[in-house]
Amino acid sequence: MKLSISSDKFNILAYFISVILAGAVLLSLPAAWAGEGGLGPLDSLFTATSAVCVTGLIVVDTAGFSLFGQVVIILLIQFGGLGIVAFATLYVALPRRKVSLVNRGIIKEMYMDEVESNPRHIVFNIVITTLVIEALGFAVIVSRFSMLGVDGAVFSAAFHAISAFCNAGFSTFSDSLNGFAGDWVVNLVVMALIITGGIGFVVMQDIGRVFMRTKRRLSYHSRIALSITAVLIVVGAALFYALERDGAFSGMGMGEGLLAALFESVTTRTAGFDTVPQSTFGSASAMLTIFLMLMGGSPGSTAGGVKTTTMFMAFAAAFRGTEDDGSISYRGGALSTTSVTRAFSILSKALLIIGACLLLLLALEGSRFAFVDLFFEVVSAFGTVGLSRGVTAGLGSWGKLVIIAAMFMGRVGVFAMAVSRSSDRVERFAAYPRENLLLG
């Protein structure tokens, strides 16, 4: 019997496409839009794709949607934000359906050995963890919004708590969170939700077990993921502050500037909120943001990008070198040759997709927008970040379709690229002769 993983990938892709199309239909209803004029089919499709892919790029102001429209958007974000892994696990764990070895392999790719035995239990943990963290974030945000006199504080707080944890970046405020640039409570809570949603459910479960003393120490994956996340946040904040102290942050005091730099460092790795408009940042900061957007969050999380561990393995292979067997030794662990090869494969494919989308966008919109702004837009879409330098709303129809494709490939395609194909190959009883290519 031949095992094939292609049917599982197809069903996952079909699921996301179905949710996007359903969302587009609902958002195109007159009851969903409260702004001037009507919402065209392409803009409805763009908004639904951005919500399900938890990107946050918008072609129309989210504040222009009616309460019904905003509820549809937040539900789309929640379904997308639970994570591609949760949906894949739900699919293979449906009642009366046996979990095949191949499907278990899909789960194992993202959740490692401890999850393989009971996918239903993992889905339950994911949903409960998501709801508990979002509820805690909502409690703090609604209290602060009420104190500040924000209109519709309850709904706005719930919307932002879900959007932040899901790393979506959608906001009910026309200027995102620019009006809260100096508010430490709102900033810190939103950052905490973004980070929690972006470190991955495996890491959160691991931390919980250590905290409850059912496990002595964090797994190797958790230690690496947390270390990379911490380094990126701290170094990113320091660089943003140094680059924009006399630029985008020039009108702020030192404390407010540091807070803005910290928020920028956190949000750039797939969250999409901003407290300072991206158009006010210089070219150097834009390039730093592009790198962080490409990096993304950790595997098995609500975040996008090529993932921190993928970039880590690629950099480790490039700068540390490999052992005789092709593995890489780092901090008491050996990264297998298969993992390193897969990391380079994911990164290479991601760069090819970004390059193709950028080329198309330059051909379509290059005469109207600067190269760095279009490059920023494509990486933001592929990394499912949602930050923009003022390009999104001005794109033509074909340009919007390119960004829609980039968002979808960045959200669903990266998962498909990450799944190993070794499980569906027939065992070989012969091997090709080993050959060498000159390098360098």
Protein backbone atom coordinates (compact mmCIF):
# COMPACT_ATOMS: atom_id res chain seq x y z
CA MET A 1 0.00 0.00 0.00
CA LYS A 2 1.41 3.35 -1.04
CA LEU A 3 1.37 6.09 1.55
CA SER A 4 0.82 9.59 0.23
CA ILE A 5 0.91 12.88 2.00
CA SER A 6 -0.40 14.91 -0.91
CA SER A 7 -4.08 14.26 -0.09
CA ASP A 8 -3.58 15.58 3.45
CA LYS A 9 -1.88 18.71 2.17
CA PHE A 10 -4.71 19.16 -0.33
CA ASN A 11 -7.40 18.94 2.34
CA ILE A 12 -5.61 21.43 4.58
CA LEU A 13 -5.23 23.85 1.67
CA ALA A 14 -8.88 23.29 0.73
CA TYR A 15 -9.96 24.00 4.30
CA PHE A 16 -8.21 27.36 4.37
CA ILE A 17 -9.46 28.28 0.92
CA SER A 18 -13.02 27.41 1.98
CA VAL A 19 -12.80 29.55 5.12
CA ILE A 20 -11.36 32.46 3.12
CA LEU A 21 -14.09 32.26 0.47
CA ALA A 22 -16.82 31.98 3.11
CA GLY A 23 -15.36 35.01 4.89
CA ALA A 24 -15.19 36.94 1.61
CA VAL A 25 -18.87 36.24 0.94
CA LEU A 26 -19.90 37.36 4.43
CA LEU A 27 -17.79 40.52 4.24
CA SER A 28 -19.31 41.40 0.86
CA LEU A 29 -22.80 41.52 2.37
CA PRO A 30 -24.22 45.06 2.75
CA ALA A 31 -24.68 44.44 6.49
CA ALA A 32 -20.92 44.00 6.92
CA TRP A 33 -19.91 47.47 5.73
CA ALA A 34 -20.77 50.76 7.43
CA GLY A 35 -18.44 53.08 5.53
CA GLU A 36 -19.04 55.18 2.45
CA GLY A 37 -19.93 53.33 -0.73
CA GLY A 38 -19.80 49.56 -0.92
CA LEU A 39 -17.05 47.01 -0.47
CA GLY A 40 -15.99 45.42 -3.76
CA PRO A 41 -15.50 41.63 -4.17
CA LEU A 42 -11.71 41.95 -4.45
CA ASP A 43 -11.45 44.05 -1.29
CA SER A 44 -13.69 41.53 0.53
CA LEU A 45 -11.45 38.69 -0.63
CA PHE A 46 -8.33 40.62 0.37
CA THR A 47 -9.68 41.33 3.85
CA ALA A 48 -10.83 37.74 4.38
CA THR A 49 -7.45 36.36 3.24
CA SER A 50 -5.59 38.78 5.49
CA ALA A 51 -7.78 37.80 8.46
CA VAL A 52 -7.60 34.02 7.99
CA CYS A 53 -3.86 34.21 7.29
CA VAL A 54 -3.59 36.46 10.40
CA THR A 55 -1.66 39.03 8.39
CA GLY A 56 -3.30 42.37 9.10
CA LEU A 57 -2.70 44.10 5.76
CA ILE A 58 -5.78 46.13 4.87
CA VAL A 59 -7.06 47.83 1.74
CA VAL A 60 -9.96 49.43 3.62
CA ASP A 61 -10.14 50.77 7.16
CA THR A 62 -11.28 48.03 9.57
CA ALA A 63 -13.12 50.74 11.52
CA GLY A 64 -15.33 51.13 8.44
CA PHE A 65 -16.90 47.72 8.93
CA SER A 66 -20.12 47.39 10.89
CA LEU A 67 -20.25 45.43 14.14
CA PHE A 68 -21.32 42.39 12.09
CA GLY A 69 -18.38 42.84 9.74
CA GLN A 70 -15.90 43.22 12.59
CA VAL A 71 -17.31 40.10 14.29
CA VAL A 72 -16.78 38.18 11.03
CA ILE A 73 -13.19 39.46 10.85
CA ILE A 74 -12.37 38.48 14.43
CA LEU A 75 -13.87 35.02 13.91
CA LEU A 76 -11.75 34.58 10.78
CA ILE A 77 -8.71 35.67 12.77
CA GLN A 78 -9.53 33.21 15.54
CA PHE A 79 -9.91 30.30 13.13
CA GLY A 80 -6.69 31.21 11.37
CA GLY A 81 -4.86 32.13 14.55
CA LEU A 82 -5.40 28.78 16.22
CA GLY A 83 -2.64 27.77 13.89
CA ILE A 84 -2.15 25.59 10.85
CA VAL A 85 -1.01 22.82 13.17
CA ALA A 86 -4.24 22.88 15.15
CA PHE A 87 -6.28 22.64 11.95
CA ALA A 88 -4.12 19.83 10.64
CA THR A 89 -4.51 18.01 13.95
CA LEU A 90 -8.27 18.57 13.93
CA TYR A 91 -8.42 17.13 10.44
CA VAL A 92 -6.58 13.93 11.26
CA ALA A 93 -8.42 13.54 14.57
CA LEU A 94 -11.95 13.69 13.19
CA PRO A 95 -14.28 11.06 14.70
CA ARG A 96 -14.40 7.68 12.95
CA ARG A 97 -11.27 8.48 10.99
CA LYS A 98 -8.13 6.54 11.68
CA VAL A 99 -4.95 8.51 12.14
CA SER A 100 -2.56 7.17 9.56
CA LEU A 101 1.18 6.93 9.99
CA VAL A 102 1.58 9.72 7.48
CA ASN A 103 -0.88 11.99 9.32
CA ARG A 104 0.88 11.27 12.60
CA GLY A 105 4.04 12.31 10.83
CA ILE A 106 2.49 15.68 9.98
CA ILE A 107 1.65 16.27 13.63
CA LYS A 108 5.05 15.05 14.75
CA GLU A 109 6.76 17.49 12.37
CA MET A 110 5.38 20.39 14.39
CA TYR A 111 4.82 18.90 17.85
CA MET A 112 7.63 16.38 18.22
CA ASP A 113 7.32 13.02 19.92
CA GLU A 114 5.17 13.92 22.91
CA VAL A 115 2.10 14.75 20.84
CA GLU A 116 1.96 11.78 18.55
CA SER A 117 -0.04 9.55 20.87
CA ASN A 118 -3.17 11.69 21.37
CA PRO A 119 -3.98 14.37 18.78
CA ARG A 120 -7.43 15.05 20.28
CA HIS A 121 -5.83 15.91 23.59
CA ILE A 122 -3.45 18.30 21.84
CA VAL A 123 -6.30 20.07 20.04
CA PHE A 124 -8.11 20.47 23.35
CA ASN A 125 -4.98 21.92 24.97
CA ILE A 126 -4.48 24.35 22.08
CA VAL A 127 -8.05 25.65 22.23
CA ILE A 128 -8.11 25.97 26.03
CA THR A 129 -4.68 27.62 26.14
CA THR A 130 -5.73 30.09 23.46
CA LEU A 131 -8.99 31.03 25.18
CA VAL A 132 -7.40 31.37 28.64
CA ILE A 133 -4.58 33.64 27.44
CA GLU A 134 -6.94 35.75 25.33
CA ALA A 135 -9.31 36.06 28.30
CA LEU A 136 -6.50 37.26 30.57
CA GLY A 137 -5.39 39.79 27.97
CA PHE A 138 -8.98 40.94 27.48
CA ALA A 139 -9.45 41.50 31.23
CA VAL A 140 -6.49 43.87 31.43
CA ILE A 141 -7.17 45.68 28.16
CA VAL A 142 -10.88 46.25 28.85
CA SER A 143 -10.02 47.68 32.25
CA ARG A 144 -7.52 50.08 30.70
CA PHE A 145 -9.79 51.03 27.77
CA SER A 146 -12.64 51.72 30.19
CA MET A 147 -10.34 53.88 32.31
CA LEU A 148 -9.30 55.85 29.20
CA GLY A 149 -12.90 56.25 28.04
CA VAL A 150 -12.53 54.31 24.79
CA ASP A 151 -15.84 53.93 22.94
CA GLY A 152 -17.06 50.32 22.81
CA ALA A 153 -14.35 49.32 25.27
CA VAL A 154 -15.60 45.75 25.76
CA PHE A 155 -15.73 44.80 22.08
CA SER A 156 -12.53 46.69 21.24
CA ALA A 157 -10.69 44.96 24.08
CA ALA A 158 -11.89 41.52 22.96
CA PHE A 159 -11.00 42.32 19.35
CA HIS A 160 -7.46 43.45 20.23
CA ALA A 161 -6.83 40.58 22.67
CA ILE A 162 -7.68 38.00 19.99
CA SER A 163 -5.88 39.91 17.24
CA ALA A 164 -2.73 40.30 19.38
CA PHE A 165 -2.51 36.68 20.54
CA CYS A 166 -3.17 35.46 17.00
CA ASN A 167 -0.47 37.84 15.74
CA ALA A 168 -3.00 39.29 13.30
CA GLY A 169 -2.48 43.05 13.67
CA PHE A 170 -6.07 44.03 12.85
CA SER A 171 -7.37 46.94 14.90
CA THR A 172 -10.72 48.64 15.32
CA PHE A 173 -8.86 51.96 15.46
CA SER A 174 -8.07 53.67 12.16
CA ASP A 175 -4.52 54.47 13.28
CA SER A 176 -3.83 51.00 14.76
CA LEU A 177 -2.36 51.60 18.24
CA ASN A 178 -0.73 54.96 17.45
CA GLY A 179 -3.00 56.62 19.99
CA PHE A 180 -1.53 54.44 22.75
CA ALA A 181 2.15 55.00 21.94
CA GLY A 182 2.97 56.17 25.46
CA ASP A 183 0.56 53.90 27.34
CA TRP A 184 2.66 51.32 29.16
CA VAL A 185 -0.29 49.11 30.16
CA VAL A 186 -1.70 48.71 26.64
CA ASN A 187 1.77 48.31 25.12
CA LEU A 188 2.99 45.71 27.60
CA VAL A 189 -0.20 43.64 27.50
CA VAL A 190 -0.33 43.62 23.70
CA MET A 191 3.38 42.72 23.55
CA ALA A 192 2.86 39.90 26.06
CA LEU A 193 0.00 38.51 23.94
CA ILE A 194 2.07 38.75 20.76
CA ILE A 195 5.08 37.01 22.30
CA THR A 196 2.96 34.29 23.91
CA GLY A 197 1.16 33.61 20.65
CA GLY A 198 4.43 33.57 18.75
CA ILE A 199 6.57 31.20 20.82
CA GLY A 200 4.51 28.12 19.96
CA PHE A 201 2.15 25.83 21.84
CA VAL A 202 4.87 23.23 22.37
CA VAL A 203 7.00 25.79 24.20
CA MET A 204 4.05 27.01 26.28
CA GLN A 205 3.18 23.44 27.23
CA ASP A 206 6.80 22.77 28.09
CA ILE A 207 7.00 25.87 30.30
CA GLY A 208 3.78 24.84 32.03
CA ARG A 209 5.14 21.39 32.83
CA VAL A 210 8.33 22.82 34.29
CA PHE A 211 6.36 25.38 36.29
CA MET A 212 4.07 22.64 37.65
CA ARG A 213 7.17 20.54 38.39
CA THR A 214 6.01 17.61 36.31
CA LYS A 215 9.16 18.06 34.26
CA ARG A 216 12.65 18.95 35.43
CA ARG A 217 13.88 21.09 32.56
CA LEU A 218 12.81 22.61 29.27
CA SER A 219 13.31 20.63 26.08
CA TYR A 220 16.13 21.49 23.72
CA HIS A 221 13.64 22.99 21.25
CA SER A 222 12.06 25.20 23.93
CA ARG A 223 15.43 26.47 25.15
CA ILE A 224 16.54 27.38 21.64
CA ALA A 225 13.19 28.96 20.70
CA LEU A 226 13.07 31.08 23.86
CA SER A 227 16.71 32.12 23.54
CA ILE A 228 16.30 33.24 19.93
CA THR A 229 13.08 35.10 20.77
CA ALA A 230 14.72 36.96 23.66
CA VAL A 231 17.80 37.88 21.62
CA LEU A 232 15.74 39.14 18.69
CA ILE A 233 13.53 41.27 20.93
CA VAL A 234 16.39 42.85 22.89
CA VAL A 235 18.75 43.38 19.96
CA GLY A 236 15.92 44.55 17.72
CA ALA A 237 14.75 47.11 20.27
CA ALA A 238 18.29 48.44 20.77
CA LEU A 239 18.82 48.80 17.02
CA PHE A 240 15.46 50.48 16.42
CA TYR A 241 16.10 52.97 19.21
CA ALA A 242 19.62 53.73 17.95
CA LEU A 243 18.42 54.16 14.37
CA GLU A 244 15.29 56.21 15.12
CA ARG A 245 16.22 58.16 18.25
CA ASP A 246 16.61 61.27 16.09
CA GLY A 247 14.07 60.10 13.52
CA ALA A 248 10.70 58.47 14.16
CA PHE A 249 11.18 58.69 17.95
CA SER A 250 12.56 62.24 17.98
CA GLY A 251 9.41 63.76 19.48
CA MET A 252 9.33 61.30 22.37
CA GLY A 253 11.01 61.25 25.73
CA MET A 254 13.58 58.57 26.44
CA GLY A 255 11.11 56.28 28.23
CA GLU A 256 8.45 56.58 25.54
CA GLY A 257 11.08 56.12 22.81
CA LEU A 258 12.40 52.95 24.42
CA LEU A 259 8.84 51.64 24.76
CA ALA A 260 8.16 52.38 21.09
CA ALA A 261 11.41 50.66 20.07
CA LEU A 262 10.55 47.61 22.17
CA PHE A 263 7.04 47.44 20.70
CA GLU A 264 8.46 47.75 17.18
CA SER A 265 10.90 44.92 17.85
CA VAL A 266 8.08 42.66 19.08
CA THR A 267 5.43 43.52 16.49
CA THR A 268 7.68 43.18 13.44
CA ARG A 269 7.91 39.40 13.80
CA THR A 270 4.36 38.82 12.46
CA ALA A 271 2.05 40.87 14.72
CA GLY A 272 1.35 43.88 12.48
CA PHE A 273 0.29 46.47 15.06
CA ASP A 274 2.19 49.71 15.22
CA THR A 275 2.41 52.58 17.69
CA VAL A 276 4.52 54.64 15.29
CA PRO A 277 3.62 54.79 11.54
CA GLN A 278 5.96 52.66 9.45
CA SER A 279 6.28 55.42 6.85
CA THR A 280 8.16 57.57 9.39
CA PHE A 281 10.97 55.02 9.78
CA GLY A 282 14.17 55.41 7.77
CA SER A 283 15.50 52.99 5.16
CA ALA A 284 17.86 51.28 7.62
CA SER A 285 14.98 50.57 10.01
CA ALA A 286 12.87 49.35 7.10
CA MET A 287 15.55 46.81 6.16
CA LEU A 288 15.83 45.68 9.80
CA THR A 289 12.06 45.27 9.87
CA ILE A 290 12.17 43.21 6.66
CA PHE A 291 14.71 40.84 8.23
CA LEU A 292 12.62 40.43 11.39
CA MET A 293 9.44 39.90 9.36
CA LEU A 294 11.15 37.16 7.36
CA MET A 295 12.40 35.56 10.58
CA GLY A 296 8.88 35.32 12.06
CA GLY A 297 7.90 33.42 15.20
CA SER A 298 8.46 29.90 16.45
CA PRO A 299 7.06 26.69 14.91
CA GLY A 300 3.62 25.52 15.98
CA SER A 301 2.54 29.06 16.88
CA THR A 302 0.10 31.63 15.56
CA ALA A 303 3.03 33.51 14.01
CA GLY A 304 4.18 33.38 10.41
CA GLY A 305 7.53 33.83 8.69
CA VAL A 306 10.04 31.08 7.95
CA LYS A 307 10.29 30.56 11.72
CA THR A 308 13.07 31.30 14.21
CA THR A 309 14.39 27.75 14.41
CA THR A 310 14.63 27.50 10.62
CA MET A 311 16.74 30.65 10.45
CA PHE A 312 18.76 29.49 13.44
CA MET A 313 19.70 26.21 11.75
CA ALA A 314 20.55 27.96 8.50
CA PHE A 315 22.81 30.47 10.28
CA ALA A 316 24.35 27.75 12.44
CA ALA A 317 25.23 25.72 9.36
CA ALA A 318 26.62 28.79 7.61
CA PHE A 319 28.80 30.09 10.43
CA ARG A 320 29.56 27.11 12.68
CA GLY A 321 30.05 24.45 10.06
CA THR A 322 29.02 20.81 10.26
CA GLU A 323 30.44 17.66 11.77
CA ASP A 324 31.70 14.76 9.66
CA ASP A 325 28.19 13.27 9.52
CA GLY A 326 26.66 16.58 8.46
CA SER A 327 25.11 17.41 11.83
CA ILE A 328 25.68 20.62 13.79
CA SER A 329 26.62 20.58 17.47
CA TYR A 330 25.28 23.41 19.61
CA ARG A 331 24.83 23.71 23.37
CA GLY A 332 24.69 20.06 24.23
CA GLY A 333 22.66 18.97 21.22
CA ALA A 334 23.30 17.82 17.68
CA LEU A 335 21.05 19.14 14.91
CA SER A 336 20.55 16.33 12.41
CA THR A 337 21.52 16.57 8.77
CA THR A 338 17.87 16.11 7.80
CA SER A 339 16.79 19.09 9.92
CA VAL A 340 19.52 21.34 8.54
CA THR A 341 18.75 20.33 4.95
CA ARG A 342 15.05 21.00 5.52
CA ALA A 343 15.83 24.40 7.02
CA PHE A 344 17.79 25.41 3.92
CA SER A 345 15.02 24.02 1.73
CA ILE A 346 12.33 26.08 3.51
CA LEU A 347 14.46 29.23 3.43
CA SER A 348 15.34 28.79 -0.25
CA LYS A 349 11.72 28.25 -1.27
CA ALA A 350 10.59 31.21 0.83
CA LEU A 351 13.14 33.49 -0.82
CA LEU A 352 12.08 32.25 -4.28
CA ILE A 353 8.41 32.97 -3.51
CA ILE A 354 9.25 36.43 -2.16
CA GLY A 355 11.46 37.13 -5.18
CA ALA A 356 8.75 36.06 -7.63
CA CYS A 357 6.07 38.13 -5.89
CA LEU A 358 8.39 41.14 -5.71
CA LEU A 359 9.20 40.86 -9.41
CA LEU A 360 5.49 40.79 -10.27
CA LEU A 361 4.73 43.70 -7.98
CA LEU A 362 7.59 45.75 -9.43
CA ALA A 363 6.28 45.08 -12.93
CA LEU A 364 2.77 46.11 -11.92
CA GLU A 365 3.38 48.91 -9.43
CA GLY A 366 7.07 49.83 -9.76
CA SER A 367 6.34 53.14 -11.43
CA ARG A 368 4.19 54.34 -8.52
CA PHE A 369 6.02 53.05 -5.44
CA ALA A 370 9.62 52.91 -4.25
CA PHE A 371 11.48 49.60 -4.39
CA VAL A 372 11.99 49.41 -0.63
CA ASP A 373 8.27 50.00 -0.01
CA LEU A 374 7.23 47.20 -2.38
CA PHE A 375 9.90 44.88 -0.97
CA PHE A 376 8.60 45.70 2.52
CA GLU A 377 5.02 44.96 1.40
CA VAL A 378 5.85 41.56 -0.11
CA VAL A 379 7.84 40.36 2.91
CA SER A 380 5.13 41.64 5.24
CA ALA A 381 2.53 39.67 3.28
CA PHE A 382 4.58 36.47 3.06
CA GLY A 383 5.59 36.71 6.73
CA THR A 384 1.92 37.33 7.59
CA VAL A 385 2.96 40.45 9.49
CA GLY A 386 0.62 43.16 8.28
CA LEU A 387 2.90 46.19 8.56
CA SER A 388 2.90 48.54 5.58
CA ARG A 389 4.63 51.72 4.47
CA GLY A 390 1.42 53.07 2.96
CA VAL A 391 1.36 50.83 -0.12
CA THR A 392 -1.52 48.38 0.44
CA ALA A 393 -4.55 50.61 -0.11
CA GLY A 394 -3.01 52.16 -3.25
CA LEU A 395 -2.39 48.88 -5.08
CA GLY A 396 -4.23 48.09 -8.29
CA SER A 397 -6.36 44.97 -8.73
CA TRP A 398 -3.49 42.81 -9.98
CA GLY A 399 -1.19 44.09 -7.26
CA LYS A 400 -3.76 43.12 -4.63
CA LEU A 401 -3.98 39.63 -6.12
CA VAL A 402 -0.19 39.27 -5.84
CA ILE A 403 -0.34 40.23 -2.16
CA ILE A 404 -3.26 37.84 -1.59
CA ALA A 405 -1.18 35.02 -3.08
CA ALA A 406 1.83 36.00 -0.94
CA MET A 407 -0.27 35.99 2.24
CA PHE A 408 -1.75 32.59 1.48
CA MET A 409 1.59 31.02 0.58
CA GLY A 410 3.20 32.56 3.62
CA ARG A 411 0.57 31.14 5.95
CA VAL A 412 -0.26 27.74 4.47
CA GLY A 413 2.63 27.16 2.10
CA VAL A 414 5.34 27.30 4.77
CA PHE A 415 3.64 24.47 6.63
CA ALA A 416 3.48 22.40 3.44
CA MET A 417 7.18 23.08 2.84
CA ALA A 418 8.05 22.08 6.40
CA VAL A 419 6.46 18.64 6.17
CA SER A 420 8.98 15.94 5.38
CA ARG A 421 8.42 13.93 2.24
CA SER A 422 10.44 10.99 3.40
CA SER A 423 7.45 9.22 4.88
CA ASP A 424 5.68 8.80 1.55
CA ARG A 425 8.61 7.43 -0.37
CA VAL A 426 9.00 3.80 -1.18
CA GLU A 427 12.05 2.27 0.45
CA ARG A 428 14.91 2.12 -2.02
CA PHE A 429 17.01 -0.98 -2.43
CA ALA A 430 19.57 0.71 -4.66
CA ALA A 431 21.31 4.06 -4.51
CA TYR A 432 22.71 6.37 -7.12
CA PRO A 433 26.50 6.79 -7.19
CA ARG A 434 27.77 9.66 -5.06
CA GLU A 435 28.94 12.66 -7.06
CA ASN A 436 30.56 15.99 -6.19
CA LEU A 437 30.01 19.54 -7.41
CA LEU A 438 32.59 22.29 -7.07
CA LEU A 439 31.46 25.04 -4.70
CA GLY A 440 32.65 28.59 -4.10
